Amino acid sequence: DRALLEMIGKFFKRLDYNVLTARDGEEGLKIFHAKNP
């Protein structure tokens, strides 16, 4: 859900998190392995 992705992302950025986002599970797994959140 793009709207939630943007809204939740902004919320955590305001709390000083380094926010990484993905639009689906496949993309999320790639980011997980590359960035080690």
PDB file of all heavy atoms in Angstrom:
ATOM      1  N   ASP A   1       0.858  -1.190   0.000  1.00  0.00           N
ATOM      2  CA  ASP A   1       0.000   0.000   0.000  1.00  0.00           C
ATOM      3  C   ASP A   1       0.893   1.239   0.000  1.00  0.00           C
ATOM      4  O   ASP A   1       1.527   1.567   1.006  1.00  0.00           O
ATOM      5  CB  ASP A   1      -0.900  -0.018   1.238  1.00  0.00           C
ATOM      6  CG  ASP A   1      -1.889   1.123   1.288  1.00  0.00           C
ATOM      7  OD1 ASP A   1      -1.529   2.255   0.895  1.00  0.00           O
ATOM      8  OD2 ASP A   1      -3.023   0.891   1.734  1.00  0.00           O
ATOM      9  N   ARG A   2       0.951   1.931  -1.138  1.00  0.00           N
ATOM     10  CA  ARG A   2       1.864   3.071  -1.285  1.00  0.00           C
ATOM     11  C   ARG A   2       1.597   4.185  -0.279  1.00  0.00           C
ATOM     12  O   ARG A   2       2.524   4.803   0.227  1.00  0.00           O
ATOM     13  CB  ARG A   2       1.792   3.636  -2.700  1.00  0.00           C
ATOM     14  CG  ARG A   2       2.417   2.745  -3.714  1.00  0.00           C
ATOM     15  CD  ARG A   2       2.367   3.369  -5.077  1.00  0.00           C
ATOM     16  NE  ARG A   2       2.893   2.444  -6.056  1.00  0.00           N
ATOM     17  CZ  ARG A   2       3.498   2.819  -7.151  1.00  0.00           C
ATOM     18  NH1 ARG A   2       3.623   4.096  -7.443  1.00  0.00           N
ATOM     19  NH2 ARG A   2       3.958   1.920  -7.985  1.00  0.00           N
ATOM     20  N   ALA A   3       0.330   4.450   0.010  1.00  0.00           N
ATOM     21  CA  ALA A   3      -0.008   5.524   0.956  1.00  0.00           C
ATOM     22  C   ALA A   3       0.521   5.197   2.349  1.00  0.00           C
ATOM     23  O   ALA A   3       1.115   6.056   3.015  1.00  0.00           O
ATOM     24  CB  ALA A   3      -1.517   5.748   0.994  1.00  0.00           C
ATOM     25  N   LEU A   4       0.331   3.963   2.788  1.00  0.00           N
ATOM     26  CA  LEU A   4       0.851   3.554   4.096  1.00  0.00           C
ATOM     27  C   LEU A   4       2.374   3.555   4.104  1.00  0.00           C
ATOM     28  O   LEU A   4       2.994   3.971   5.085  1.00  0.00           O
ATOM     29  CB  LEU A   4       0.348   2.158   4.463  1.00  0.00           C
ATOM     30  CG  LEU A   4      -1.037   2.082   5.061  1.00  0.00           C
ATOM     31  CD1 LEU A   4      -1.440   0.621   5.278  1.00  0.00           C
ATOM     32  CD2 LEU A   4      -1.107   2.832   6.367  1.00  0.00           C
ATOM     33  N   LEU A   5       2.964   3.108   3.018  1.00  0.00           N
ATOM     34  CA  LEU A   5       4.420   3.073   2.910  1.00  0.00           C
ATOM     35  C   LEU A   5       4.988   4.472   3.120  1.00  0.00           C
ATOM     36  O   LEU A   5       5.944   4.665   3.875  1.00  0.00           O
ATOM     37  CB  LEU A   5       4.811   2.522   1.535  1.00  0.00           C
ATOM     38  CG  LEU A   5       6.207   1.976   1.353  1.00  0.00           C
ATOM     39  CD1 LEU A   5       6.445   0.766   2.231  1.00  0.00           C
ATOM     40  CD2 LEU A   5       6.433   1.615  -0.104  1.00  0.00           C
ATOM     41  N   GLU A   6       4.385   5.453   2.487  1.00  0.00           N
ATOM     42  CA  GLU A   6       4.842   6.836   2.603  1.00  0.00           C
ATOM     43  C   GLU A   6       4.569   7.399   4.007  1.00  0.00           C
ATOM     44  O   GLU A   6       5.446   8.004   4.625  1.00  0.00           O
ATOM     45  CB  GLU A   6       4.147   7.702   1.554  1.00  0.00           C
ATOM     46  CG  GLU A   6       4.693   9.100   1.482  1.00  0.00           C
ATOM     47  CD  GLU A   6       4.076   9.912   0.363  1.00  0.00           C
ATOM     48  OE1 GLU A   6       3.865   9.356  -0.734  1.00  0.00           O
ATOM     49  OE2 GLU A   6       3.813  11.105   0.605  1.00  0.00           O
ATOM     50  N   MET A   7       3.358   7.192   4.511  1.00  0.00           N
ATOM     51  CA  MET A   7       2.970   7.740   5.802  1.00  0.00           C
ATOM     52  C   MET A   7       3.813   7.160   6.950  1.00  0.00           C
ATOM     53  O   MET A   7       4.350   7.899   7.776  1.00  0.00           O
ATOM     54  CB  MET A   7       1.487   7.472   6.067  1.00  0.00           C
ATOM     55  CG  MET A   7       0.984   8.055   7.364  1.00  0.00           C
ATOM     56  SD  MET A   7      -0.790   7.794   7.622  1.00  0.00           S
ATOM     57  CE  MET A   7      -0.878   6.014   7.709  1.00  0.00           C
ATOM     58  N   ILE A   8       3.922   5.843   6.994  1.00  0.00           N
ATOM     59  CA  ILE A   8       4.694   5.193   8.060  1.00  0.00           C
ATOM     60  C   ILE A   8       6.177   5.536   7.925  1.00  0.00           C
ATOM     61  O   ILE A   8       6.870   5.768   8.919  1.00  0.00           O
ATOM     62  CB  ILE A   8       4.483   3.659   8.047  1.00  0.00           C
ATOM     63  CG1 ILE A   8       3.009   3.309   8.251  1.00  0.00           C
ATOM     64  CG2 ILE A   8       5.376   2.964   9.062  1.00  0.00           C
ATOM     65  CD1 ILE A   8       2.436   3.663   9.597  1.00  0.00           C
ATOM     66  N   GLY A   9       6.657   5.585   6.685  1.00  0.00           N
ATOM     67  CA  GLY A   9       8.057   5.962   6.442  1.00  0.00           C
ATOM     68  C   GLY A   9       8.370   7.344   6.985  1.00  0.00           C
ATOM     69  O   GLY A   9       9.384   7.555   7.668  1.00  0.00           O
ATOM     70  N   LYS A  10       7.502   8.313   6.710  1.00  0.00           N
ATOM     71  CA  LYS A  10       7.698   9.684   7.208  1.00  0.00           C
ATOM     72  C   LYS A  10       7.659   9.720   8.729  1.00  0.00           C
ATOM     73  O   LYS A  10       8.430  10.445   9.359  1.00  0.00           O
ATOM     74  CB  LYS A  10       6.637  10.617   6.635  1.00  0.00           C
ATOM     75  CG  LYS A  10       6.859  10.971   5.193  1.00  0.00           C
ATOM     76  CD  LYS A  10       5.769  11.913   4.705  1.00  0.00           C
ATOM     77  CE  LYS A  10       5.963  12.259   3.245  1.00  0.00           C
ATOM     78  NZ  LYS A  10       4.894  13.150   2.750  1.00  0.00           N
ATOM     79  N   PHE A  11       6.736   8.970   9.317  1.00  0.00           N
ATOM     80  CA  PHE A  11       6.609   8.922  10.770  1.00  0.00           C
ATOM     81  C   PHE A  11       7.930   8.489  11.423  1.00  0.00           C
ATOM     82  O   PHE A  11       8.431   9.134  12.345  1.00  0.00           O
ATOM     83  CB  PHE A  11       5.478   7.972  11.177  1.00  0.00           C
ATOM     84  CG  PHE A  11       5.376   7.749  12.652  1.00  0.00           C
ATOM     85  CD1 PHE A  11       4.768   8.685  13.470  1.00  0.00           C
ATOM     86  CD2 PHE A  11       5.889   6.589  13.223  1.00  0.00           C
ATOM     87  CE1 PHE A  11       4.675   8.479  14.845  1.00  0.00           C
ATOM     88  CE2 PHE A  11       5.793   6.376  14.587  1.00  0.00           C
ATOM     89  CZ  PHE A  11       5.197   7.329  15.399  1.00  0.00           C
ATOM     90  N   PHE A  12       8.501   7.395  10.940  1.00  0.00           N
ATOM     91  CA  PHE A  12       9.731   6.891  11.540  1.00  0.00           C
ATOM     92  C   PHE A  12      10.936   7.763  11.211  1.00  0.00           C
ATOM     93  O   PHE A  12      11.868   7.868  12.009  1.00  0.00           O
ATOM     94  CB  PHE A  12       9.972   5.431  11.152  1.00  0.00           C
ATOM     95  CG  PHE A  12       9.159   4.486  11.982  1.00  0.00           C
ATOM     96  CD1 PHE A  12       8.019   3.887  11.464  1.00  0.00           C
ATOM     97  CD2 PHE A  12       9.514   4.199  13.284  1.00  0.00           C
ATOM     98  CE1 PHE A  12       7.255   3.022  12.240  1.00  0.00           C
ATOM     99  CE2 PHE A  12       8.755   3.341  14.067  1.00  0.00           C
ATOM    100  CZ  PHE A  12       7.624   2.752  13.546  1.00  0.00           C
ATOM    101  N   LYS A  13      10.936   8.422  10.053  1.00  0.00           N
ATOM    102  CA  LYS A  13      12.022   9.360   9.744  1.00  0.00           C
ATOM    103  C   LYS A  13      12.022  10.518  10.734  1.00  0.00           C
ATOM    104  O   LYS A  13      13.082  10.983  11.154  1.00  0.00           O
ATOM    105  CB  LYS A  13      11.886   9.879   8.315  1.00  0.00           C
ATOM    106  CG  LYS A  13      12.342   8.885   7.279  1.00  0.00           C
ATOM    107  CD  LYS A  13      12.194   9.415   5.872  1.00  0.00           C
ATOM    108  CE  LYS A  13      12.588   8.322   4.891  1.00  0.00           C
ATOM    109  NZ  LYS A  13      12.392   8.741   3.491  1.00  0.00           N
ATOM    110  N   ARG A  14      10.835  10.975  11.127  1.00  0.00           N
ATOM    111  CA  ARG A  14      10.742  12.047  12.124  1.00  0.00           C
ATOM    112  C   ARG A  14      11.264  11.597  13.482  1.00  0.00           C
ATOM    113  O   ARG A  14      11.686  12.421  14.288  1.00  0.00           O
ATOM    114  CB  ARG A  14       9.299  12.541  12.260  1.00  0.00           C
ATOM    115  CG  ARG A  14       8.936  13.526  11.179  1.00  0.00           C
ATOM    116  CD  ARG A  14       7.597  14.193  11.460  1.00  0.00           C
ATOM    117  NE  ARG A  14       6.701  13.798  10.375  1.00  0.00           N
ATOM    118  CZ  ARG A  14       5.528  13.235  10.519  1.00  0.00           C
ATOM    119  NH1 ARG A  14       5.020  13.015  11.700  1.00  0.00           N
ATOM    120  NH2 ARG A  14       4.805  12.908   9.468  1.00  0.00           N
ATOM    121  N   LEU A  15      11.229  10.303  13.726  1.00  0.00           N
ATOM    122  CA  LEU A  15      11.770   9.755  14.979  1.00  0.00           C
ATOM    123  C   LEU A  15      13.254   9.421  14.853  1.00  0.00           C
ATOM    124  O   LEU A  15      13.828   8.756  15.714  1.00  0.00           O
ATOM    125  CB  LEU A  15      10.982   8.502  15.383  1.00  0.00           C
ATOM    126  CG  LEU A  15       9.518   8.736  15.748  1.00  0.00           C
ATOM    127  CD1 LEU A  15       8.824   7.407  16.027  1.00  0.00           C
ATOM    128  CD2 LEU A  15       9.395   9.657  16.949  1.00  0.00           C
ATOM    129  N   ASP A  16      13.864   9.864  13.757  1.00  0.00           N
ATOM    130  CA  ASP A  16      15.297   9.732  13.489  1.00  0.00           C
ATOM    131  C   ASP A  16      15.754   8.307  13.159  1.00  0.00           C
ATOM    132  O   ASP A  16      16.863   7.901  13.487  1.00  0.00           O
ATOM    133  CB  ASP A  16      16.133  10.296  14.644  1.00  0.00           C
ATOM    134  CG  ASP A  16      17.531  10.685  14.189  1.00  0.00           C
ATOM    135  OD1 ASP A  16      17.693  11.071  13.015  1.00  0.00           O
ATOM    136  OD2 ASP A  16      18.463  10.570  14.999  1.00  0.00           O
ATOM    137  N   TYR A  17      14.881   7.526  12.528  1.00  0.00           N
ATOM    138  CA  TYR A  17      15.283   6.218  12.004  1.00  0.00           C
ATOM    139  C   TYR A  17      15.762   6.391  10.567  1.00  0.00           C
ATOM    140  O   TYR A  17      15.290   7.268   9.839  1.00  0.00           O
ATOM    141  CB  TYR A  17      14.094   5.249  11.986  1.00  0.00           C
ATOM    142  CG  TYR A  17      13.722   4.723  13.342  1.00  0.00           C
ATOM    143  CD1 TYR A  17      12.867   5.435  14.177  1.00  0.00           C
ATOM    144  CD2 TYR A  17      14.204   3.497  13.788  1.00  0.00           C
ATOM    145  CE1 TYR A  17      12.518   4.948  15.428  1.00  0.00           C
ATOM    146  CE2 TYR A  17      13.858   2.999  15.036  1.00  0.00           C
ATOM    147  CZ  TYR A  17      13.017   3.736  15.847  1.00  0.00           C
ATOM    148  OH  TYR A  17      12.669   3.254  17.074  1.00  0.00           O
ATOM    149  N   ASN A  18      16.682   5.552  10.154  1.00  0.00           N
ATOM    150  CA  ASN A  18      17.083   5.464   8.755  1.00  0.00           C
ATOM    151  C   ASN A  18      16.095   4.491   8.108  1.00  0.00           C
ATOM    152  O   ASN A  18      16.203   3.287   8.286  1.00  0.00           O
ATOM    153  CB  ASN A  18      18.520   4.956   8.648  1.00  0.00           C
ATOM    154  CG  ASN A  18      18.971   4.761   7.222  1.00  0.00           C
ATOM    155  OD1 ASN A  18      18.270   5.103   6.276  1.00  0.00           O
ATOM    156  ND2 ASN A  18      20.148   4.187   7.074  1.00  0.00           N
ATOM    157  N   VAL A  19      15.120   5.013   7.376  1.00  0.00           N
ATOM    158  CA  VAL A  19      14.011   4.202   6.867  1.00  0.00           C
ATOM    159  C   VAL A  19      14.296   3.706   5.455  1.00  0.00           C
ATOM    160  O   VAL A  19      14.581   4.482   4.553  1.00  0.00           O
ATOM    161  CB  VAL A  19      12.691   5.005   6.895  1.00  0.00           C
ATOM    162  CG1 VAL A  19      11.547   4.173   6.328  1.00  0.00           C
ATOM    163  CG2 VAL A  19      12.363   5.465   8.301  1.00  0.00           C
ATOM    164  N   LEU A  20      14.192   2.398   5.293  1.00  0.00           N
ATOM    165  CA  LEU A  20      14.272   1.748   3.992  1.00  0.00           C
ATOM    166  C   LEU A  20      12.879   1.216   3.700  1.00  0.00           C
ATOM    167  O   LEU A  20      12.218   0.687   4.592  1.00  0.00           O
ATOM    168  CB  LEU A  20      15.269   0.582   4.036  1.00  0.00           C
ATOM    169  CG  LEU A  20      16.654   0.890   4.596  1.00  0.00           C
ATOM    170  CD1 LEU A  20      17.397  -0.402   4.907  1.00  0.00           C
ATOM    171  CD2 LEU A  20      17.426   1.748   3.621  1.00  0.00           C
ATOM    172  N   THR A  21      12.412   1.346   2.459  1.00  0.00           N
ATOM    173  CA  THR A  21      11.073   0.865   2.130  1.00  0.00           C
ATOM    174  C   THR A  21      11.106  -0.066   0.922  1.00  0.00           C
ATOM    175  O   THR A  21      11.976   0.047   0.061  1.00  0.00           O
ATOM    176  CB  THR A  21      10.104   2.033   1.833  1.00  0.00           C
ATOM    177  OG1 THR A  21      10.596   2.802   0.732  1.00  0.00           O
ATOM    178  CG2 THR A  21       9.914   2.915   3.049  1.00  0.00           C
ATOM    179  N   ALA A  22      10.133  -0.962   0.894  1.00  0.00           N
ATOM    180  CA  ALA A  22       9.968  -1.889  -0.223  1.00  0.00           C
ATOM    181  C   ALA A  22       8.481  -2.057  -0.497  1.00  0.00           C
ATOM    182  O   ALA A  22       7.678  -2.086   0.435  1.00  0.00           O
ATOM    183  CB  ALA A  22      10.602  -3.236   0.094  1.00  0.00           C
ATOM    184  N   ARG A  23       8.113  -2.173  -1.766  1.00  0.00           N
ATOM    185  CA  ARG A  23       6.707  -2.266  -2.170  1.00  0.00           C
ATOM    186  C   ARG A  23       6.169  -3.684  -2.227  1.00  0.00           C
ATOM    187  O   ARG A  23       4.987  -3.891  -2.467  1.00  0.00           O
ATOM    188  CB  ARG A  23       6.511  -1.593  -3.524  1.00  0.00           C
ATOM    189  CG  ARG A  23       6.731  -0.118  -3.452  1.00  0.00           C
ATOM    190  CD  ARG A  23       6.452   0.518  -4.778  1.00  0.00           C
ATOM    191  NE  ARG A  23       6.735   1.941  -4.694  1.00  0.00           N
ATOM    192  CZ  ARG A  23       6.958   2.693  -5.733  1.00  0.00           C
ATOM    193  NH1 ARG A  23       6.921   2.181  -6.943  1.00  0.00           N
ATOM    194  NH2 ARG A  23       7.207   3.966  -5.571  1.00  0.00           N
ATOM    195  N   ASP A  24       7.026  -4.674  -2.049  1.00  0.00           N
ATOM    196  CA  ASP A  24       6.560  -6.063  -2.003  1.00  0.00           C
ATOM    197  C   ASP A  24       7.599  -6.919  -1.290  1.00  0.00           C
ATOM    198  O   ASP A  24       8.706  -6.461  -1.010  1.00  0.00           O
ATOM    199  CB  ASP A  24       6.246  -6.608  -3.405  1.00  0.00           C
ATOM    200  CG  ASP A  24       7.434  -6.621  -4.351  1.00  0.00           C
ATOM    201  OD1 ASP A  24       8.534  -7.037  -3.932  1.00  0.00           O
ATOM    202  OD2 ASP A  24       7.273  -6.214  -5.517  1.00  0.00           O
ATOM    203  N   GLY A  25       7.217  -8.139  -0.990  1.00  0.00           N
ATOM    204  CA  GLY A  25       8.094  -9.029  -0.248  1.00  0.00           C
ATOM    205  C   GLY A  25       9.388  -9.358  -0.959  1.00  0.00           C
ATOM    206  O   GLY A  25      10.443  -9.453  -0.335  1.00  0.00           O
ATOM    207  N   GLU A  26       9.319  -9.510  -2.255  1.00  0.00           N
ATOM    208  CA  GLU A  26      10.517  -9.833  -3.029  1.00  0.00           C
ATOM    209  C   GLU A  26      11.555  -8.714  -2.935  1.00  0.00           C
ATOM    210  O   GLU A  26      12.726  -8.947  -2.665  1.00  0.00           O
ATOM    211  CB  GLU A  26      10.132 -10.091  -4.495  1.00  0.00           C
ATOM    212  CG  GLU A  26      11.260 -10.584  -5.349  1.00  0.00           C
ATOM    213  CD  GLU A  26      10.807 -10.926  -6.760  1.00  0.00           C
ATOM    214  OE1 GLU A  26       9.601 -11.120  -6.988  1.00  0.00           O
ATOM    215  OE2 GLU A  26      11.681 -10.994  -7.633  1.00  0.00           O
ATOM    216  N   GLU A  27      11.098  -7.478  -3.150  1.00  0.00           N
ATOM    217  CA  GLU A  27      11.984  -6.317  -3.040  1.00  0.00           C
ATOM    218  C   GLU A  27      12.497  -6.185  -1.593  1.00  0.00           C
ATOM    219  O   GLU A  27      13.662  -5.873  -1.364  1.00  0.00           O
ATOM    220  CB  GLU A  27      11.249  -5.050  -3.459  1.00  0.00           C
ATOM    221  CG  GLU A  27      12.091  -3.796  -3.394  1.00  0.00           C
ATOM    222  CD  GLU A  27      11.319  -2.534  -3.740  1.00  0.00           C
ATOM    223  OE1 GLU A  27      10.081  -2.571  -3.877  1.00  0.00           O
ATOM    224  OE2 GLU A  27      11.979  -1.490  -3.856  1.00  0.00           O
ATOM    225  N   GLY A  28      11.610  -6.438  -0.633  1.00  0.00           N
ATOM    226  CA  GLY A  28      11.991  -6.349   0.773  1.00  0.00           C
ATOM    227  C   GLY A  28      13.095  -7.319   1.142  1.00  0.00           C
ATOM    228  O   GLY A  28      14.026  -6.964   1.879  1.00  0.00           O
ATOM    229  N   LEU A  29      13.018  -8.540   0.633  1.00  0.00           N
ATOM    230  CA  LEU A  29      14.067  -9.533   0.913  1.00  0.00           C
ATOM    231  C   LEU A  29      15.410  -9.111   0.315  1.00  0.00           C
ATOM    232  O   LEU A  29      16.456  -9.282   0.942  1.00  0.00           O
ATOM    233  CB  LEU A  29      13.657 -10.903   0.385  1.00  0.00           C
ATOM    234  CG  LEU A  29      12.578 -11.609   1.203  1.00  0.00           C
ATOM    235  CD1 LEU A  29      12.082 -12.855   0.471  1.00  0.00           C
ATOM    236  CD2 LEU A  29      13.086 -11.959   2.592  1.00  0.00           C
ATOM    237  N   LYS A  30      15.376  -8.533  -0.875  1.00  0.00           N
ATOM    238  CA  LYS A  30      16.620  -8.053  -1.502  1.00  0.00           C
ATOM    239  C   LYS A  30      17.254  -6.952  -0.655  1.00  0.00           C
ATOM    240  O   LYS A  30      18.463  -6.958  -0.405  1.00  0.00           O
ATOM    241  CB  LYS A  30      16.345  -7.544  -2.915  1.00  0.00           C
ATOM    242  CG  LYS A  30      16.059  -8.643  -3.904  1.00  0.00           C
ATOM    243  CD  LYS A  30      15.741  -8.078  -5.269  1.00  0.00           C
ATOM    244  CE  LYS A  30      15.326  -9.189  -6.216  1.00  0.00           C
ATOM    245  NZ  LYS A  30      14.915  -8.668  -7.535  1.00  0.00           N
ATOM    246  N   ILE A  31      16.416  -6.007  -0.212  1.00  0.00           N
ATOM    247  CA  ILE A  31      16.924  -4.909   0.617  1.00  0.00           C
ATOM    248  C   ILE A  31      17.424  -5.456   1.956  1.00  0.00           C
ATOM    249  O   ILE A  31      18.470  -5.042   2.451  1.00  0.00           O
ATOM    250  CB  ILE A  31      15.839  -3.829   0.830  1.00  0.00           C
ATOM    251  CG1 ILE A  31      15.545  -3.139  -0.504  1.00  0.00           C
ATOM    252  CG2 ILE A  31      16.271  -2.817   1.887  1.00  0.00           C
ATOM    253  CD1 ILE A  31      14.349  -2.200  -0.475  1.00  0.00           C
ATOM    254  N   PHE A  32      16.700  -6.397   2.527  1.00  0.00           N
ATOM    255  CA  PHE A  32      17.099  -6.994   3.805  1.00  0.00           C
ATOM    256  C   PHE A  32      18.506  -7.579   3.716  1.00  0.00           C
ATOM    257  O   PHE A  32      19.355  -7.338   4.572  1.00  0.00           O
ATOM    258  CB  PHE A  32      16.102  -8.077   4.219  1.00  0.00           C
ATOM    259  CG  PHE A  32      16.472  -8.761   5.496  1.00  0.00           C
ATOM    260  CD1 PHE A  32      16.143  -8.196   6.711  1.00  0.00           C
ATOM    261  CD2 PHE A  32      17.162  -9.963   5.473  1.00  0.00           C
ATOM    262  CE1 PHE A  32      16.503  -8.832   7.909  1.00  0.00           C
ATOM    263  CE2 PHE A  32      17.522 -10.596   6.660  1.00  0.00           C
ATOM    264  CZ  PHE A  32      17.195 -10.030   7.872  1.00  0.00           C
ATOM    265  N   HIS A  33      18.763  -8.350   2.667  1.00  0.00           N
ATOM    266  CA  HIS A  33      20.065  -8.995   2.528  1.00  0.00           C
ATOM    267  C   HIS A  33      21.173  -7.997   2.184  1.00  0.00           C
ATOM    268  O   HIS A  33      22.321  -8.180   2.598  1.00  0.00           O
ATOM    269  CB  HIS A  33      20.001 -10.110   1.489  1.00  0.00           C
ATOM    270  CG  HIS A  33      19.187 -11.282   1.946  1.00  0.00           C
ATOM    271  ND1 HIS A  33      19.562 -12.101   2.983  1.00  0.00           N
ATOM    272  CD2 HIS A  33      17.987 -11.749   1.532  1.00  0.00           C
ATOM    273  CE1 HIS A  33      18.656 -13.028   3.187  1.00  0.00           C
ATOM    274  NE2 HIS A  33      17.678 -12.837   2.324  1.00  0.00           N
ATOM    275  N   ALA A  34      20.830  -6.934   1.469  1.00  0.00           N
ATOM    276  CA  ALA A  34      21.831  -5.948   1.061  1.00  0.00           C
ATOM    277  C   ALA A  34      22.156  -4.938   2.166  1.00  0.00           C
ATOM    278  O   ALA A  34      23.306  -4.514   2.309  1.00  0.00           O
ATOM    279  CB  ALA A  34      21.354  -5.201  -0.189  1.00  0.00           C
ATOM    280  N   LYS A  35      21.154  -4.544   2.944  1.00  0.00           N
ATOM    281  CA  LYS A  35      21.321  -3.441   3.902  1.00  0.00           C
ATOM    282  C   LYS A  35      21.358  -3.862   5.369  1.00  0.00           C
ATOM    283  O   LYS A  35      21.686  -3.049   6.225  1.00  0.00           O
ATOM    284  CB  LYS A  35      20.205  -2.407   3.718  1.00  0.00           C
ATOM    285  CG  LYS A  35      20.121  -1.824   2.320  1.00  0.00           C
ATOM    286  CD  LYS A  35      21.299  -0.939   2.034  1.00  0.00           C
ATOM    287  CE  LYS A  35      21.145  -0.302   0.661  1.00  0.00           C
ATOM    288  NZ  LYS A  35      22.191   0.651   0.385  1.00  0.00           N
ATOM    289  N   ASN A  36      20.955  -5.096   5.673  1.00  0.00           N
ATOM    290  CA  ASN A  36      21.005  -5.623   7.038  1.00  0.00           C
ATOM    291  C   ASN A  36      20.336  -4.677   8.056  1.00  0.00           C
ATOM    292  O   ASN A  36      21.002  -4.171   8.964  1.00  0.00           O
ATOM    293  CB  ASN A  36      22.461  -5.912   7.433  1.00  0.00           C
ATOM    294  CG  ASN A  36      22.564  -6.751   8.677  1.00  0.00           C
ATOM    295  OD1 ASN A  36      21.664  -7.527   8.984  1.00  0.00           O
ATOM    296  ND2 ASN A  36      23.648  -6.594   9.397  1.00  0.00           N
ATOM    297  N   PRO A  37      19.022  -4.450   7.930  1.00  0.00           N
ATOM    298  CA  PRO A  37      18.350  -3.529   8.845  1.00  0.00           C
ATOM    299  C   PRO A  37      18.280  -4.073  10.275  1.00  0.00           C
ATOM    300  O   PRO A  37      18.351  -5.278  10.502  1.00  0.00           O
ATOM    301  CB  PRO A  37      16.944  -3.403   8.249  1.00  0.00           C
ATOM    302  CG  PRO A  37      16.736  -4.678   7.519  1.00  0.00           C
ATOM    303  CD  PRO A  37      18.098  -5.060   6.985  1.00  0.00           C
TER     304      PRO A  37
END
